[in-house]
C-alpha atoms as a PDB file:
ATOM      1  CA  MET A   1     -91.301 192.130 -72.566  1.00  0.00           C
ATOM      2  CA  PRO A   2     -88.640 192.189 -69.834  1.00  0.00           C
ATOM      3  CA  SER A   3     -89.732 193.000 -66.314  1.00  0.00           C
ATOM      4  CA  ARG A   4     -88.622 196.197 -64.595  1.00  0.00           C
ATOM      5  CA  ARG A   5     -86.196 194.165 -62.520  1.00  0.00           C
ATOM      6  CA  GLU A   6     -84.654 192.603 -65.631  1.00  0.00           C
ATOM      7  CA  ARG A   7     -84.370 196.033 -67.243  1.00  0.00           C
ATOM      8  CA  PHE A   8     -82.609 197.470 -64.184  1.00  0.00           C
ATOM      9  CA  GLU A   9     -80.266 194.475 -64.039  1.00  0.00           C
ATOM     10  CA  ARG A  10     -79.442 194.898 -67.741  1.00  0.00           C
ATOM     11  CA  ILE A  11     -78.812 198.627 -67.333  1.00  0.00           C
ATOM     12  CA  SER A  12     -76.566 197.997 -64.322  1.00  0.00           C
ATOM     13  CA  ARG A  13     -74.621 195.270 -66.132  1.00  0.00           C
ATOM     14  CA  GLU A  14     -74.121 197.433 -69.227  1.00  0.00           C
ATOM     15  CA  ALA A  15     -72.954 200.398 -67.138  1.00  0.00           C
ATOM     16  CA  ARG A  16     -70.526 198.186 -65.221  1.00  0.00           C
ATOM     17  CA  GLU A  17     -69.115 196.711 -68.436  1.00  0.00           C
ATOM     18  CA  SER A  18     -68.820 200.127 -70.057  1.00  0.00           C
ATOM     19  CA  THR A  19     -66.978 201.552 -67.054  1.00  0.00           C
ATOM     20  CA  ASN A  20     -64.684 198.526 -66.930  1.00  0.00           C
ATOM     21  CA  ARG A  21     -63.811 198.947 -70.644  1.00  0.00           C
ATOM     22  CA  ALA A  22     -63.230 202.680 -70.196  1.00  0.00           C
ATOM     23  CA  LEU A  23     -60.879 202.032 -67.266  1.00  0.00           C
ATOM     24  CA  ALA A  24     -58.937 199.500 -69.333  1.00  0.00           C
ATOM     25  CA  GLY A  25     -58.568 202.035 -72.130  1.00  0.00           C
ATOM     26  CA  GLU A  26     -57.396 204.765 -69.782  1.00  0.00           C
ATOM     27  CA  ILE A  27     -54.887 202.475 -68.080  1.00  0.00           C
ATOM     28  CA  SER A  28     -53.476 201.321 -71.406  1.00  0.00           C
ATOM     29  CA  SER A  29     -53.120 204.928 -72.580  1.00  0.00           C
ATOM     30  CA  LEU A  30     -51.069 205.791 -69.493  1.00  0.00           C
ATOM     31  CA  THR A  31     -48.883 202.679 -69.332  1.00  0.00           C
ATOM     32  CA  LEU A  32     -47.047 200.240 -71.556  1.00  0.00           C
ATOM     33  CA  LEU A  33     -49.859 197.712 -71.090  1.00  0.00           C
ATOM     34  CA  THR A  34     -52.234 197.042 -73.946  1.00  0.00           C
ATOM     35  CA  GLU A  35     -55.975 196.963 -73.335  1.00  0.00           C
ATOM     36  CA  GLU A  36     -55.760 193.182 -73.714  1.00  0.00           C
ATOM     37  CA  ASP A  37     -53.044 193.028 -71.036  1.00  0.00           C
ATOM     38  CA  VAL A  38     -55.165 195.144 -68.729  1.00  0.00           C
ATOM     39  CA  GLU A  39     -58.250 192.983 -69.228  1.00  0.00           C
ATOM     40  CA  ARG A  40     -56.242 189.789 -68.715  1.00  0.00           C
ATOM     41  CA  LEU A  41     -54.326 190.974 -65.637  1.00  0.00           C
ATOM     42  CA  LEU A  42     -57.008 193.168 -64.107  1.00  0.00           C
ATOM     43  CA  PRO A  43     -60.343 191.687 -65.153  1.00  0.00           C
ATOM     44  CA  ARG A  44     -62.510 193.352 -62.506  1.00  0.00           C
ATOM     45  CA  LYS A  45     -63.181 197.039 -62.017  1.00  0.00           C
ATOM     46  CA  ALA A  46     -61.852 196.752 -58.457  1.00  0.00           C
ATOM     47  CA  ASP A  47     -58.545 195.374 -59.819  1.00  0.00           C
ATOM     48  CA  LYS A  48     -58.234 198.339 -62.153  1.00  0.00           C
ATOM     49  CA  GLU A  49     -58.974 200.748 -59.315  1.00  0.00           C
ATOM     50  CA  ARG A  50     -56.294 199.108 -57.176  1.00  0.00           C
ATOM     51  CA  PHE A  51     -53.870 199.414 -60.083  1.00  0.00           C
ATOM     52  CA  GLY A  52     -54.728 203.120 -60.208  1.00  0.00           C
ATOM     53  CA  THR A  53     -53.897 203.412 -56.514  1.00  0.00           C
ATOM     54  CA  LEU A  54     -50.617 201.599 -57.087  1.00  0.00           C
ATOM     55  CA  MET A  55     -49.659 203.841 -60.012  1.00  0.00           C
ATOM     56  CA  ALA A  56     -50.591 206.980 -58.048  1.00  0.00           C
ATOM     57  CA  ILE A  57     -48.149 205.904 -55.362  1.00  0.00           C
ATOM     58  CA  VAL A  58     -45.384 204.993 -57.813  1.00  0.00           C
ATOM     59  CA  THR A  59     -45.701 208.180 -59.883  1.00  0.00           C
ATOM     60  CA  ALA A  60     -46.134 210.569 -56.946  1.00  0.00           C
ATOM     61  CA  GLY A  61     -43.720 213.457 -56.822  1.00  0.00           C
ATOM     62  CA  THR A  62     -42.178 212.174 -53.611  1.00  0.00           C
ATOM     63  CA  GLY A  63     -38.928 210.469 -52.823  1.00  0.00           C
ATOM     64  CA  ASP A  64     -38.478 206.716 -52.961  1.00  0.00           C
ATOM     65  CA  ASN A  65     -38.633 206.391 -49.176  1.00  0.00           C
ATOM     66  CA  ALA A  66     -42.050 208.086 -49.125  1.00  0.00           C
ATOM     67  CA  LYS A  67     -43.231 205.814 -51.952  1.00  0.00           C
ATOM     68  CA  VAL A  68     -42.071 202.732 -50.056  1.00  0.00           C
ATOM     69  CA  ALA A  69     -43.893 203.956 -46.966  1.00  0.00           C
ATOM     70  CA  ALA A  70     -47.070 204.536 -48.998  1.00  0.00           C
ATOM     71  CA  LEU A  71     -46.760 201.075 -50.553  1.00  0.00           C
ATOM     72  CA  ARG A  72     -46.329 199.581 -47.107  1.00  0.00           C
ATOM     73  CA  GLU A  73     -49.469 201.380 -45.887  1.00  0.00           C
ATOM     74  CA  ASN A  74     -51.489 200.190 -48.889  1.00  0.00           C
ATOM     75  CA  LEU A  75     -50.000 196.735 -49.390  1.00  0.00           C
ATOM     76  CA  ASP A  76     -53.188 194.893 -48.427  1.00  0.00           C
ATOM     77  CA  GLU A  77     -55.055 196.810 -51.111  1.00  0.00           C
ATOM     78  CA  VAL A  78     -52.507 196.832 -53.954  1.00  0.00           C
ATOM     79  CA  GLY A  79     -50.380 193.757 -53.189  1.00  0.00           C
ATOM     80  CA  ALA A  80     -52.208 191.301 -55.453  1.00  0.00           C
ATOM     81  CA  VAL A  81     -52.097 193.740 -58.376  1.00  0.00           C
ATOM     82  CA  LEU A  82     -48.409 194.388 -57.770  1.00  0.00           C
ATOM     83  CA  VAL A  83     -47.668 190.654 -57.913  1.00  0.00           C
ATOM     84  CA  LYS A  84     -49.597 190.277 -61.195  1.00  0.00           C
ATOM     85  CA  ILE A  85     -47.731 193.178 -62.807  1.00  0.00           C
ATOM     86  CA  LEU A  86     -44.343 191.920 -61.637  1.00  0.00           C
ATOM     87  CA  LYS A  87     -45.114 188.441 -62.999  1.00  0.00           C
ATOM     88  CA  LEU A  88     -45.825 190.044 -66.381  1.00  0.00           C
ATOM     89  CA  LEU A  89     -42.316 191.476 -66.382  1.00  0.00           C
ATOM     90  CA  MET A  90     -40.636 188.136 -65.754  1.00  0.00           C
END
C-alpha cells in the first residue's frame, strides 16, 4: 500500500497533468494551434500561462502602440513563448 506521501505526490502529479491538458485544450480552441502544437511548443503549465498573457496583450481592445508598450513591459515573461510561436510560422 502506498504511503501517505506517495499518495499526495500522485494526487499532485495527476492534478498538474490534468490542468496542463485542460490548458492545452483551451488554447487550441482559441487559436489556430492544435493541442499537439500546444503541447510541443508549450510543454509546461508555466509556458501555457505565459502564452495566455501574450494573447491577452495581442487581443486587447487597445491600439497597436499600447500593445507594443504592454509587450515591452512583459517581454521578460512572454519573450521565450513569442520566439517559439514565431518560429512555428516560419
